Amino acid sequence: GVMLMVMFPVSGRVADHVPAHIPIMAGLLFFAAGALLMSGADVNTAFWSVAIFTMVGRFGMALIMPPLVSSALKTLPPEDLSRGSGALNFIRQLGGSCGINILVIWMEQRTQLYNDVLTATQTPANTASVEWLARVRELMNAGGVPEALHQSGALHYLGSVVEAQAGTLGFQDGFIFIAGVFICALIPTWILKRAR
């Protein structure tokens, strides 16, 4: 939010002095770069790394919005500006809502896929999982958990770990999807340049 607040006036100034497609394309690339950086994040990623990745994306968003709005409204006669602004805001809100729904569906499907794939690998032949379960049972024993609960408790914990890992991979795919959408948006931006 702070990055947007700081950058909007600067981006508006830039939009007044350069063709609109230049800051829009730069913003799309920055936002895609931020999303790609976020696609590598997981539970071990430091807070400040996530903050920097987010700031890269927000910097890109700040470059996109003022020239996009300006180029959309500058062709309208003054008497149509209020209707044009309302239509632009409606389309922007509708696009954002549809985009979020598509992203949620994509991430849910990817998370389920990863959950199924990771669960299928948890067999007695998987020596890493067998050793991990043995260590968890040792920790439960050291913690005073009754022996009758060791196996079921360790398996429950393994299921939670698999679910968390599937969720992480699903979110990472979601950020890759976002980056792809913003890279694809370079095409209509290039057309905007040619239409000028």
N, C-alpha and C. Protein backbone atom coordinates (compact mmCIF):
# COMPACT_ATOMS: atom_id res chain seq x y z
N GLY A 1 0.81 -1.20 0.00
CA GLY A 1 0.00 0.00 0.00
C GLY A 1 0.84 1.26 0.00
N VAL A 2 1.90 1.25 0.81
CA VAL A 2 2.78 2.42 0.89
C VAL A 2 3.47 2.64 -0.45
N MET A 3 3.90 1.55 -1.07
CA MET A 3 4.57 1.67 -2.38
C MET A 3 3.63 2.30 -3.40
N LEU A 4 2.37 1.89 -3.42
CA LEU A 4 1.41 2.49 -4.34
C LEU A 4 1.20 3.96 -4.04
N MET A 5 1.08 4.29 -2.75
CA MET A 5 0.85 5.68 -2.34
C MET A 5 2.01 6.58 -2.78
N VAL A 6 3.22 6.08 -2.64
CA VAL A 6 4.40 6.87 -3.01
C VAL A 6 4.54 6.97 -4.53
N MET A 7 4.24 5.88 -5.22
CA MET A 7 4.53 5.82 -6.66
C MET A 7 3.43 6.39 -7.55
N PHE A 8 2.18 6.45 -7.10
CA PHE A 8 1.11 6.94 -7.96
C PHE A 8 1.38 8.35 -8.49
N PRO A 9 1.77 9.32 -7.64
CA PRO A 9 2.04 10.66 -8.19
C PRO A 9 3.19 10.66 -9.20
N VAL A 10 4.24 9.89 -8.91
CA VAL A 10 5.38 9.80 -9.83
C VAL A 10 4.94 9.18 -11.14
N SER A 11 4.17 8.11 -11.05
CA SER A 11 3.70 7.43 -12.25
C SER A 11 2.77 8.32 -13.06
N GLY A 12 1.94 9.10 -12.37
CA GLY A 12 1.07 10.05 -13.07
C GLY A 12 1.86 11.08 -13.84
N ARG A 13 2.94 11.57 -13.23
CA ARG A 13 3.83 12.53 -13.90
C ARG A 13 4.47 11.91 -15.15
N VAL A 14 4.94 10.68 -14.96
CA VAL A 14 5.57 9.97 -16.09
C VAL A 14 4.55 9.78 -17.21
N ALA A 15 3.32 9.44 -16.85
CA ALA A 15 2.27 9.21 -17.85
C ALA A 15 1.97 10.46 -18.67
N ASP A 16 2.21 11.64 -18.08
CA ASP A 16 1.96 12.89 -18.80
C ASP A 16 3.05 13.19 -19.83
N HIS A 17 4.23 12.59 -19.66
CA HIS A 17 5.37 12.97 -20.50
C HIS A 17 5.86 11.89 -21.46
N VAL A 18 5.40 10.66 -21.30
CA VAL A 18 5.85 9.59 -22.21
C VAL A 18 4.61 8.87 -22.74
N PRO A 19 4.75 8.18 -23.87
CA PRO A 19 3.61 7.41 -24.38
C PRO A 19 3.13 6.39 -23.35
N ALA A 20 1.83 6.19 -23.28
CA ALA A 20 1.23 5.36 -22.22
C ALA A 20 1.73 3.93 -22.23
N HIS A 21 2.03 3.39 -23.40
CA HIS A 21 2.42 1.97 -23.46
C HIS A 21 3.75 1.70 -22.74
N ILE A 22 4.62 2.69 -22.64
CA ILE A 22 5.94 2.46 -22.02
C ILE A 22 5.82 2.17 -20.53
N PRO A 23 5.19 3.05 -19.72
CA PRO A 23 5.06 2.70 -18.30
C PRO A 23 4.15 1.50 -18.06
N ILE A 24 3.14 1.31 -18.92
CA ILE A 24 2.26 0.15 -18.74
C ILE A 24 3.05 -1.14 -18.96
N MET A 25 3.85 -1.20 -20.02
CA MET A 25 4.64 -2.40 -20.29
C MET A 25 5.68 -2.62 -19.19
N ALA A 26 6.31 -1.54 -18.74
CA ALA A 26 7.28 -1.68 -17.64
C ALA A 26 6.58 -2.19 -16.38
N GLY A 27 5.39 -1.65 -16.10
CA GLY A 27 4.64 -2.09 -14.93
C GLY A 27 4.24 -3.55 -15.01
N LEU A 28 3.80 -3.97 -16.20
CA LEU A 28 3.44 -5.38 -16.38
C LEU A 28 4.64 -6.29 -16.13
N LEU A 29 5.80 -5.88 -16.62
CA LEU A 29 7.01 -6.68 -16.42
C LEU A 29 7.42 -6.72 -14.94
N PHE A 30 7.32 -5.57 -14.26
CA PHE A 30 7.64 -5.54 -12.83
C PHE A 30 6.68 -6.42 -12.04
N PHE A 31 5.38 -6.33 -12.36
CA PHE A 31 4.40 -7.13 -11.63
C PHE A 31 4.63 -8.61 -11.88
N ALA A 32 4.92 -8.98 -13.13
CA ALA A 32 5.21 -10.38 -13.45
C ALA A 32 6.46 -10.84 -12.72
N ALA A 33 7.48 -9.98 -12.65
CA ALA A 33 8.71 -10.34 -11.93
C ALA A 33 8.42 -10.55 -10.45
N GLY A 34 7.60 -9.67 -9.85
CA GLY A 34 7.23 -9.85 -8.44
C GLY A 34 6.49 -11.15 -8.21
N ALA A 35 5.59 -11.50 -9.14
CA ALA A 35 4.84 -12.76 -9.00
C ALA A 35 5.77 -13.96 -9.16
N LEU A 36 6.72 -13.88 -10.09
CA LEU A 36 7.67 -14.98 -10.26
C LEU A 36 8.56 -15.14 -9.02
N LEU A 37 8.95 -14.02 -8.43
CA LEU A 37 9.72 -14.10 -7.18
C LEU A 37 8.89 -14.77 -6.08
N MET A 38 7.61 -14.39 -6.00
CA MET A 38 6.74 -14.99 -4.99
C MET A 38 6.50 -16.47 -5.25
N SER A 39 6.62 -16.90 -6.50
CA SER A 39 6.40 -18.31 -6.81
C SER A 39 7.48 -19.21 -6.22
N GLY A 40 8.58 -18.62 -5.81
CA GLY A 40 9.64 -19.40 -5.17
C GLY A 40 9.58 -19.36 -3.66
N ALA A 41 8.61 -18.63 -3.12
CA ALA A 41 8.52 -18.48 -1.66
C ALA A 41 7.83 -19.70 -1.04
N ASP A 42 8.25 -20.02 0.17
CA ASP A 42 7.59 -21.07 0.95
C ASP A 42 7.68 -20.70 2.43
N VAL A 43 7.40 -21.66 3.31
CA VAL A 43 7.38 -21.34 4.75
C VAL A 43 8.75 -20.94 5.27
N ASN A 44 9.80 -21.26 4.54
CA ASN A 44 11.15 -20.92 4.99
C ASN A 44 11.63 -19.57 4.47
N THR A 45 10.83 -18.91 3.64
CA THR A 45 11.22 -17.62 3.09
C THR A 45 11.09 -16.55 4.16
N ALA A 46 12.11 -15.72 4.28
CA ALA A 46 12.13 -14.67 5.30
C ALA A 46 11.05 -13.62 5.01
N PHE A 47 10.55 -13.01 6.08
CA PHE A 47 9.51 -11.99 5.95
C PHE A 47 9.95 -10.86 5.02
N TRP A 48 11.18 -10.38 5.20
CA TRP A 48 11.63 -9.24 4.40
C TRP A 48 11.78 -9.61 2.93
N SER A 49 12.08 -10.86 2.65
CA SER A 49 12.12 -11.30 1.25
C SER A 49 10.73 -11.22 0.63
N VAL A 50 9.73 -11.71 1.36
CA VAL A 50 8.35 -11.63 0.87
C VAL A 50 7.93 -10.18 0.70
N ALA A 51 8.33 -9.32 1.65
CA ALA A 51 7.99 -7.89 1.57
C ALA A 51 8.61 -7.27 0.32
N ILE A 52 9.86 -7.60 0.03
CA ILE A 52 10.52 -7.05 -1.16
C ILE A 52 9.86 -7.57 -2.43
N PHE A 53 9.54 -8.87 -2.47
CA PHE A 53 8.86 -9.43 -3.64
C PHE A 53 7.53 -8.71 -3.88
N THR A 54 6.81 -8.45 -2.80
CA THR A 54 5.52 -7.75 -2.90
C THR A 54 5.71 -6.32 -3.38
N MET A 55 6.76 -5.66 -2.87
CA MET A 55 7.02 -4.28 -3.28
C MET A 55 7.35 -4.19 -4.77
N VAL A 56 8.05 -5.19 -5.30
CA VAL A 56 8.34 -5.21 -6.75
C VAL A 56 7.03 -5.24 -7.53
N GLY A 57 6.11 -6.10 -7.12
CA GLY A 57 4.81 -6.18 -7.78
C GLY A 57 4.00 -4.90 -7.66
N ARG A 58 4.00 -4.30 -6.47
CA ARG A 58 3.24 -3.07 -6.26
C ARG A 58 3.84 -1.91 -7.04
N PHE A 59 5.16 -1.90 -7.17
CA PHE A 59 5.82 -0.89 -8.00
C PHE A 59 5.31 -1.01 -9.43
N GLY A 60 5.21 -2.24 -9.92
CA GLY A 60 4.68 -2.45 -11.26
C GLY A 60 3.23 -2.00 -11.38
N MET A 61 2.41 -2.29 -10.37
CA MET A 61 1.01 -1.88 -10.40
C MET A 61 0.90 -0.35 -10.41
N ALA A 62 1.78 0.31 -9.67
CA ALA A 62 1.76 1.78 -9.65
C ALA A 62 2.14 2.35 -11.01
N LEU A 63 2.98 1.66 -11.75
CA LEU A 63 3.33 2.13 -13.10
C LEU A 63 2.19 1.91 -14.09
N ILE A 64 1.37 0.90 -13.84
CA ILE A 64 0.31 0.55 -14.78
C ILE A 64 -0.90 1.48 -14.69
N MET A 65 -1.39 1.71 -13.49
CA MET A 65 -2.73 2.30 -13.34
C MET A 65 -2.88 3.73 -13.89
N PRO A 66 -2.06 4.72 -13.52
CA PRO A 66 -2.31 6.08 -14.04
C PRO A 66 -2.29 6.18 -15.57
N PRO A 67 -1.28 5.63 -16.27
CA PRO A 67 -1.34 5.76 -17.73
C PRO A 67 -2.47 4.96 -18.36
N LEU A 68 -2.86 3.87 -17.72
CA LEU A 68 -3.96 3.07 -18.25
C LEU A 68 -5.27 3.86 -18.19
N VAL A 69 -5.53 4.46 -17.05
CA VAL A 69 -6.75 5.27 -16.89
C VAL A 69 -6.69 6.48 -17.81
N SER A 70 -5.54 7.13 -17.86
CA SER A 70 -5.38 8.32 -18.70
C SER A 70 -5.62 8.00 -20.17
N SER A 71 -5.02 6.91 -20.65
CA SER A 71 -5.18 6.58 -22.07
C SER A 71 -6.60 6.13 -22.39
N ALA A 72 -7.29 5.55 -21.40
CA ALA A 72 -8.68 5.12 -21.62
C ALA A 72 -9.63 6.31 -21.69
N LEU A 73 -9.36 7.36 -20.92
CA LEU A 73 -10.30 8.47 -20.83
C LEU A 73 -9.97 9.65 -21.74
N LYS A 74 -8.74 9.76 -22.22
CA LYS A 74 -8.36 10.97 -22.95
C LYS A 74 -9.02 11.09 -24.33
N THR A 75 -9.53 9.99 -24.85
CA THR A 75 -10.19 10.06 -26.16
C THR A 75 -11.65 10.49 -26.06
N LEU A 76 -12.17 10.57 -24.83
CA LEU A 76 -13.58 10.92 -24.65
C LEU A 76 -13.78 12.43 -24.65
N PRO A 77 -14.90 12.90 -25.19
CA PRO A 77 -15.22 14.32 -25.06
C PRO A 77 -15.55 14.64 -23.60
N PRO A 78 -15.37 15.89 -23.17
CA PRO A 78 -15.57 16.24 -21.76
C PRO A 78 -16.94 15.85 -21.20
N GLU A 79 -17.98 15.92 -22.01
CA GLU A 79 -19.32 15.60 -21.49
C GLU A 79 -19.49 14.10 -21.22
N ASP A 80 -18.63 13.27 -21.76
CA ASP A 80 -18.73 11.82 -21.54
C ASP A 80 -17.75 11.29 -20.49
N LEU A 81 -16.95 12.17 -19.90
CA LEU A 81 -15.93 11.72 -18.95
C LEU A 81 -16.51 11.01 -17.74
N SER A 82 -17.61 11.53 -17.18
CA SER A 82 -18.16 10.90 -15.98
C SER A 82 -18.68 9.50 -16.29
N ARG A 83 -19.38 9.35 -17.43
CA ARG A 83 -19.86 8.02 -17.82
C ARG A 83 -18.69 7.09 -18.16
N GLY A 84 -17.70 7.62 -18.84
CA GLY A 84 -16.53 6.81 -19.19
C GLY A 84 -15.77 6.35 -17.96
N SER A 85 -15.64 7.25 -16.98
CA SER A 85 -14.94 6.89 -15.74
C SER A 85 -15.71 5.81 -14.99
N GLY A 86 -17.04 5.95 -14.95
CA GLY A 86 -17.86 4.94 -14.29
C GLY A 86 -17.77 3.59 -14.99
N ALA A 87 -17.81 3.62 -16.33
CA ALA A 87 -17.71 2.36 -17.09
C ALA A 87 -16.34 1.72 -16.89
N LEU A 88 -15.29 2.55 -16.86
CA LEU A 88 -13.94 2.02 -16.66
C LEU A 88 -13.81 1.37 -15.28
N ASN A 89 -14.33 2.04 -14.25
CA ASN A 89 -14.27 1.46 -12.90
C ASN A 89 -15.07 0.16 -12.81
N PHE A 90 -16.24 0.13 -13.47
CA PHE A 90 -17.05 -1.08 -13.46
C PHE A 90 -16.30 -2.24 -14.12
N ILE A 91 -15.74 -1.98 -15.29
CA ILE A 91 -15.00 -3.03 -16.01
C ILE A 91 -13.79 -3.49 -15.20
N ARG A 92 -13.12 -2.54 -14.57
CA ARG A 92 -11.94 -2.89 -13.76
C ARG A 92 -12.34 -3.76 -12.58
N GLN A 93 -13.43 -3.41 -11.90
CA GLN A 93 -13.91 -4.21 -10.76
C GLN A 93 -14.38 -5.59 -11.23
N LEU A 94 -15.10 -5.62 -12.34
CA LEU A 94 -15.58 -6.90 -12.88
C LEU A 94 -14.41 -7.79 -13.28
N GLY A 95 -13.43 -7.21 -13.95
CA GLY A 95 -12.25 -7.98 -14.34
C GLY A 95 -11.49 -8.50 -13.14
N GLY A 96 -11.35 -7.66 -12.11
CA GLY A 96 -10.67 -8.10 -10.90
C GLY A 96 -11.40 -9.24 -10.21
N SER A 97 -12.73 -9.13 -10.13
CA SER A 97 -13.53 -10.19 -9.50
C SER A 97 -13.43 -11.50 -10.27
N CYS A 98 -13.56 -11.42 -11.59
CA CYS A 98 -13.45 -12.64 -12.40
C CYS A 98 -12.05 -13.22 -12.31
N GLY A 99 -11.05 -12.35 -12.34
CA GLY A 99 -9.67 -12.82 -12.24
C GLY A 99 -9.39 -13.53 -10.94
N ILE A 100 -9.89 -12.99 -9.84
CA ILE A 100 -9.68 -13.62 -8.54
C ILE A 100 -10.36 -14.98 -8.50
N ASN A 101 -11.59 -15.06 -9.03
CA ASN A 101 -12.29 -16.35 -9.06
C ASN A 101 -11.54 -17.39 -9.88
N ILE A 102 -11.05 -16.98 -11.04
CA ILE A 102 -10.28 -17.91 -11.88
C ILE A 102 -9.02 -18.36 -11.15
N LEU A 103 -8.34 -17.41 -10.49
CA LEU A 103 -7.12 -17.75 -9.75
C LEU A 103 -7.40 -18.73 -8.62
N VAL A 104 -8.49 -18.50 -7.88
CA VAL A 104 -8.84 -19.40 -6.77
C VAL A 104 -9.13 -20.81 -7.29
N ILE A 105 -9.87 -20.90 -8.39
CA ILE A 105 -10.17 -22.22 -8.96
C ILE A 105 -8.87 -22.90 -9.40
N TRP A 106 -8.00 -22.16 -10.07
CA TRP A 106 -6.72 -22.71 -10.52
C TRP A 106 -5.90 -23.23 -9.34
N MET A 107 -5.79 -22.40 -8.28
CA MET A 107 -4.98 -22.80 -7.13
C MET A 107 -5.60 -23.99 -6.41
N GLU A 108 -6.91 -24.03 -6.31
CA GLU A 108 -7.58 -25.16 -5.66
C GLU A 108 -7.33 -26.46 -6.42
N GLN A 109 -7.43 -26.39 -7.74
CA GLN A 109 -7.18 -27.59 -8.54
C GLN A 109 -5.73 -28.04 -8.45
N ARG A 110 -4.80 -27.09 -8.49
CA ARG A 110 -3.38 -27.44 -8.39
C ARG A 110 -3.05 -28.01 -7.01
N THR A 111 -3.63 -27.42 -5.97
CA THR A 111 -3.39 -27.92 -4.61
C THR A 111 -3.90 -29.35 -4.48
N GLN A 112 -5.10 -29.62 -5.01
CA GLN A 112 -5.65 -30.97 -4.95
C GLN A 112 -4.78 -31.96 -5.73
N LEU A 113 -4.30 -31.53 -6.89
CA LEU A 113 -3.42 -32.38 -7.69
C LEU A 113 -2.15 -32.72 -6.90
N TYR A 114 -1.52 -31.70 -6.31
CA TYR A 114 -0.29 -31.94 -5.54
C TYR A 114 -0.58 -32.81 -4.32
N ASN A 115 -1.72 -32.60 -3.70
CA ASN A 115 -2.09 -33.41 -2.53
C ASN A 115 -2.21 -34.89 -2.94
N ASP A 116 -2.86 -35.15 -4.06
CA ASP A 116 -3.01 -36.53 -4.54
C ASP A 116 -1.65 -37.14 -4.89
N VAL A 117 -0.82 -36.38 -5.59
CA VAL A 117 0.49 -36.89 -6.01
C VAL A 117 1.38 -37.17 -4.79
N LEU A 118 1.42 -36.22 -3.85
CA LEU A 118 2.27 -36.42 -2.66
C LEU A 118 1.75 -37.55 -1.78
N THR A 119 0.43 -37.67 -1.66
CA THR A 119 -0.15 -38.75 -0.86
C THR A 119 0.20 -40.10 -1.46
N ALA A 120 0.19 -40.18 -2.79
CA ALA A 120 0.50 -41.45 -3.46
C ALA A 120 1.94 -41.90 -3.22
N THR A 121 2.82 -40.96 -2.87
CA THR A 121 4.22 -41.34 -2.63
C THR A 121 4.46 -41.82 -1.20
N GLN A 122 3.47 -41.68 -0.34
CA GLN A 122 3.65 -42.07 1.07
C GLN A 122 3.30 -43.54 1.25
N THR A 123 4.24 -44.39 0.90
CA THR A 123 4.07 -45.85 0.99
C THR A 123 5.18 -46.43 1.85
N PRO A 124 5.03 -47.69 2.28
CA PRO A 124 6.12 -48.33 3.05
C PRO A 124 7.43 -48.41 2.26
N ALA A 125 7.37 -48.30 0.93
CA ALA A 125 8.59 -48.33 0.12
C ALA A 125 9.34 -47.01 0.16
N ASN A 126 8.69 -45.95 0.63
CA ASN A 126 9.32 -44.63 0.71
C ASN A 126 10.14 -44.57 2.00
N THR A 127 11.43 -44.83 1.89
CA THR A 127 12.28 -44.92 3.09
C THR A 127 12.37 -43.59 3.82
N ALA A 128 12.34 -42.47 3.09
CA ALA A 128 12.42 -41.16 3.75
C ALA A 128 11.21 -40.97 4.67
N SER A 129 10.02 -41.32 4.18
CA SER A 129 8.81 -41.17 5.01
C SER A 129 8.82 -42.13 6.19
N VAL A 130 9.28 -43.36 5.96
CA VAL A 130 9.34 -44.34 7.05
C VAL A 130 10.28 -43.85 8.15
N GLU A 131 11.45 -43.32 7.77
CA GLU A 131 12.39 -42.80 8.76
C GLU A 131 11.81 -41.58 9.47
N TRP A 132 11.13 -40.72 8.72
CA TRP A 132 10.53 -39.52 9.30
C TRP A 132 9.46 -39.91 10.33
N LEU A 133 8.62 -40.90 9.99
CA LEU A 133 7.59 -41.37 10.92
C LEU A 133 8.22 -41.95 12.18
N ALA A 134 9.34 -42.65 12.02
CA ALA A 134 10.03 -43.22 13.19
C ALA A 134 10.54 -42.11 14.10
N ARG A 135 11.07 -41.03 13.51
CA ARG A 135 11.55 -39.90 14.33
C ARG A 135 10.39 -39.22 15.05
N VAL A 136 9.25 -39.08 14.36
CA VAL A 136 8.07 -38.48 15.00
C VAL A 136 7.60 -39.34 16.16
N ARG A 137 7.60 -40.66 15.98
CA ARG A 137 7.20 -41.55 17.07
C ARG A 137 8.17 -41.43 18.25
N GLU A 138 9.46 -41.28 17.97
CA GLU A 138 10.44 -41.08 19.05
C GLU A 138 10.16 -39.79 19.81
N LEU A 139 9.84 -38.73 19.09
CA LEU A 139 9.51 -37.46 19.74
C LEU A 139 8.25 -37.59 20.59
N MET A 140 7.26 -38.32 20.09
CA MET A 140 6.03 -38.53 20.86
C MET A 140 6.33 -39.33 22.12
N ASN A 141 7.19 -40.32 21.98
CA ASN A 141 7.57 -41.13 23.14
C ASN A 141 8.28 -40.26 24.17
N ALA A 142 9.21 -39.42 23.70
CA ALA A 142 9.94 -38.53 24.61
C ALA A 142 9.01 -37.51 25.26
N GLY A 143 7.94 -37.16 24.55
CA GLY A 143 6.98 -36.19 25.09
C GLY A 143 5.94 -36.80 26.00
N GLY A 144 5.99 -38.11 26.19
CA GLY A 144 5.06 -38.75 27.11
C GLY A 144 3.73 -39.16 26.49
N VAL A 145 3.64 -39.17 25.17
CA VAL A 145 2.41 -39.59 24.51
C VAL A 145 2.29 -41.11 24.64
N PRO A 146 1.10 -41.62 25.00
CA PRO A 146 0.93 -43.07 25.13
C PRO A 146 1.32 -43.80 23.85
N GLU A 147 1.93 -44.97 24.00
CA GLU A 147 2.45 -45.71 22.85
C GLU A 147 1.35 -46.10 21.87
N ALA A 148 0.14 -46.30 22.35
CA ALA A 148 -0.97 -46.68 21.47
C ALA A 148 -1.29 -45.58 20.46
N LEU A 149 -0.91 -44.34 20.77
CA LEU A 149 -1.21 -43.22 19.88
C LEU A 149 -0.06 -42.85 18.95
N HIS A 150 1.10 -43.50 19.12
CA HIS A 150 2.27 -43.11 18.34
C HIS A 150 2.04 -43.23 16.83
N GLN A 151 1.57 -44.39 16.38
CA GLN A 151 1.42 -44.62 14.94
C GLN A 151 0.36 -43.70 14.34
N SER A 152 -0.81 -43.65 14.97
CA SER A 152 -1.88 -42.80 14.41
C SER A 152 -1.51 -41.33 14.48
N GLY A 153 -0.85 -40.93 15.57
CA GLY A 153 -0.42 -39.53 15.69
C GLY A 153 0.61 -39.16 14.65
N ALA A 154 1.58 -40.06 14.42
CA ALA A 154 2.61 -39.79 13.41
C ALA A 154 2.01 -39.73 12.01
N LEU A 155 1.07 -40.63 11.72
CA LEU A 155 0.42 -40.60 10.40
C LEU A 155 -0.43 -39.35 10.21
N HIS A 156 -1.11 -38.93 11.28
CA HIS A 156 -1.90 -37.70 11.21
C HIS A 156 -0.99 -36.50 10.93
N TYR A 157 0.15 -36.47 11.62
CA TYR A 157 1.09 -35.37 11.42
C TYR A 157 1.65 -35.40 10.00
N LEU A 158 1.96 -36.60 9.49
CA LEU A 158 2.45 -36.72 8.11
C LEU A 158 1.40 -36.20 7.13
N GLY A 159 0.13 -36.53 7.38
CA GLY A 159 -0.94 -36.02 6.52
C GLY A 159 -1.01 -34.51 6.53
N SER A 160 -0.81 -33.91 7.72
CA SER A 160 -0.82 -32.44 7.82
C SER A 160 0.34 -31.83 7.06
N VAL A 161 1.51 -32.47 7.14
CA VAL A 161 2.69 -31.97 6.42
C VAL A 161 2.47 -32.06 4.91
N VAL A 162 1.92 -33.18 4.45
CA VAL A 162 1.64 -33.35 3.02
C VAL A 162 0.64 -32.29 2.55
N GLU A 163 -0.40 -32.06 3.34
CA GLU A 163 -1.41 -31.06 2.99
C GLU A 163 -0.80 -29.67 2.92
N ALA A 164 0.06 -29.33 3.88
CA ALA A 164 0.71 -28.02 3.89
C ALA A 164 1.63 -27.86 2.68
N GLN A 165 2.36 -28.92 2.35
CA GLN A 165 3.26 -28.85 1.18
C GLN A 165 2.46 -28.71 -0.10
N ALA A 166 1.33 -29.42 -0.21
CA ALA A 166 0.48 -29.30 -1.39
C ALA A 166 -0.07 -27.88 -1.51
N GLY A 167 -0.47 -27.29 -0.38
CA GLY A 167 -0.94 -25.91 -0.39
C GLY A 167 0.13 -24.94 -0.84
N THR A 168 1.35 -25.14 -0.37
CA THR A 168 2.47 -24.29 -0.78
C THR A 168 2.70 -24.38 -2.28
N LEU A 169 2.72 -25.60 -2.80
CA LEU A 169 2.93 -25.80 -4.24
C LEU A 169 1.79 -25.21 -5.06
N GLY A 170 0.55 -25.31 -4.54
CA GLY A 170 -0.60 -24.72 -5.22
C GLY A 170 -0.49 -23.21 -5.30
N PHE A 171 -0.06 -22.57 -4.20
CA PHE A 171 0.14 -21.12 -4.20
C PHE A 171 1.27 -20.72 -5.14
N GLN A 172 2.34 -21.50 -5.16
CA GLN A 172 3.44 -21.20 -6.07
C GLN A 172 2.98 -21.25 -7.52
N ASP A 173 2.17 -22.24 -7.85
CA ASP A 173 1.60 -22.31 -9.20
C ASP A 173 0.68 -21.13 -9.48
N GLY A 174 -0.04 -20.68 -8.45
CA GLY A 174 -0.90 -19.51 -8.60
C GLY A 174 -0.11 -18.27 -8.98
N PHE A 175 1.05 -18.07 -8.35
CA PHE A 175 1.88 -16.92 -8.69
C PHE A 175 2.47 -17.05 -10.09
N ILE A 176 2.80 -18.27 -10.50
CA ILE A 176 3.28 -18.47 -11.87
C ILE A 176 2.17 -18.14 -12.87
N PHE A 177 0.94 -18.54 -12.54
CA PHE A 177 -0.22 -18.24 -13.38
C PHE A 177 -0.40 -16.73 -13.51
N ILE A 178 -0.31 -16.01 -12.39
CA ILE A 178 -0.45 -14.54 -12.41
C ILE A 178 0.63 -13.93 -13.29
N ALA A 179 1.87 -14.39 -13.13
CA ALA A 179 2.96 -13.86 -13.95
C ALA A 179 2.68 -14.09 -15.43
N GLY A 180 2.16 -15.27 -15.77
CA GLY A 180 1.83 -15.57 -17.16
C GLY A 180 0.76 -14.65 -17.72
N VAL A 181 -0.26 -14.36 -16.90
CA VAL A 181 -1.34 -13.46 -17.33
C VAL A 181 -0.78 -12.07 -17.60
N PHE A 182 0.08 -11.58 -16.72
CA PHE A 182 0.63 -10.23 -16.90
C PHE A 182 1.59 -10.18 -18.09
N ILE A 183 2.30 -11.26 -18.35
CA ILE A 183 3.17 -11.29 -19.53
C ILE A 183 2.31 -11.30 -20.80
N CYS A 184 1.21 -12.05 -20.78
CA CYS A 184 0.29 -12.07 -21.93
C CYS A 184 -0.35 -10.69 -22.15
N ALA A 185 -0.51 -9.92 -21.07
CA ALA A 185 -1.09 -8.58 -21.20
C ALA A 185 -0.18 -7.62 -21.94
N LEU A 186 1.07 -8.01 -22.17
CA LEU A 186 1.97 -7.17 -22.97
C LEU A 186 1.47 -7.06 -24.41
N ILE A 187 0.75 -8.08 -24.89
CA ILE A 187 0.28 -8.07 -26.28
C ILE A 187 -0.72 -6.95 -26.53
N PRO A 188 -1.81 -6.83 -25.73
CA PRO A 188 -2.71 -5.70 -25.97
C PRO A 188 -2.05 -4.35 -25.70
N THR A 189 -1.05 -4.33 -24.81
CA THR A 189 -0.34 -3.07 -24.56
C THR A 189 0.46 -2.67 -25.79
N TRP A 190 1.05 -3.64 -26.46
CA TRP A 190 1.77 -3.36 -27.70
C TRP A 190 0.80 -2.86 -28.77
N ILE A 191 -0.40 -3.43 -28.80
CA ILE A 191 -1.42 -2.97 -29.74
C ILE A 191 -1.82 -1.53 -29.42
N LEU A 192 -1.89 -1.20 -28.12
CA LEU A 192 -2.18 0.18 -27.70
C LEU A 192 -1.14 1.13 -28.27
N LYS A 193 0.12 0.70 -28.26
CA LYS A 193 1.20 1.53 -28.81
C LYS A 193 0.98 1.76 -30.31
N ARG A 194 0.62 0.69 -31.01
CA ARG A 194 0.44 0.81 -32.46
C ARG A 194 -0.79 1.63 -32.81
N ALA A 195 -1.79 1.64 -31.90
CA ALA A 195 -3.02 2.38 -32.17
C ALA A 195 -2.83 3.87 -32.00
N ARG A 196 -1.76 4.27 -31.31
CA ARG A 196 -1.56 5.70 -31.05
C ARG A 196 -1.29 6.44 -32.33
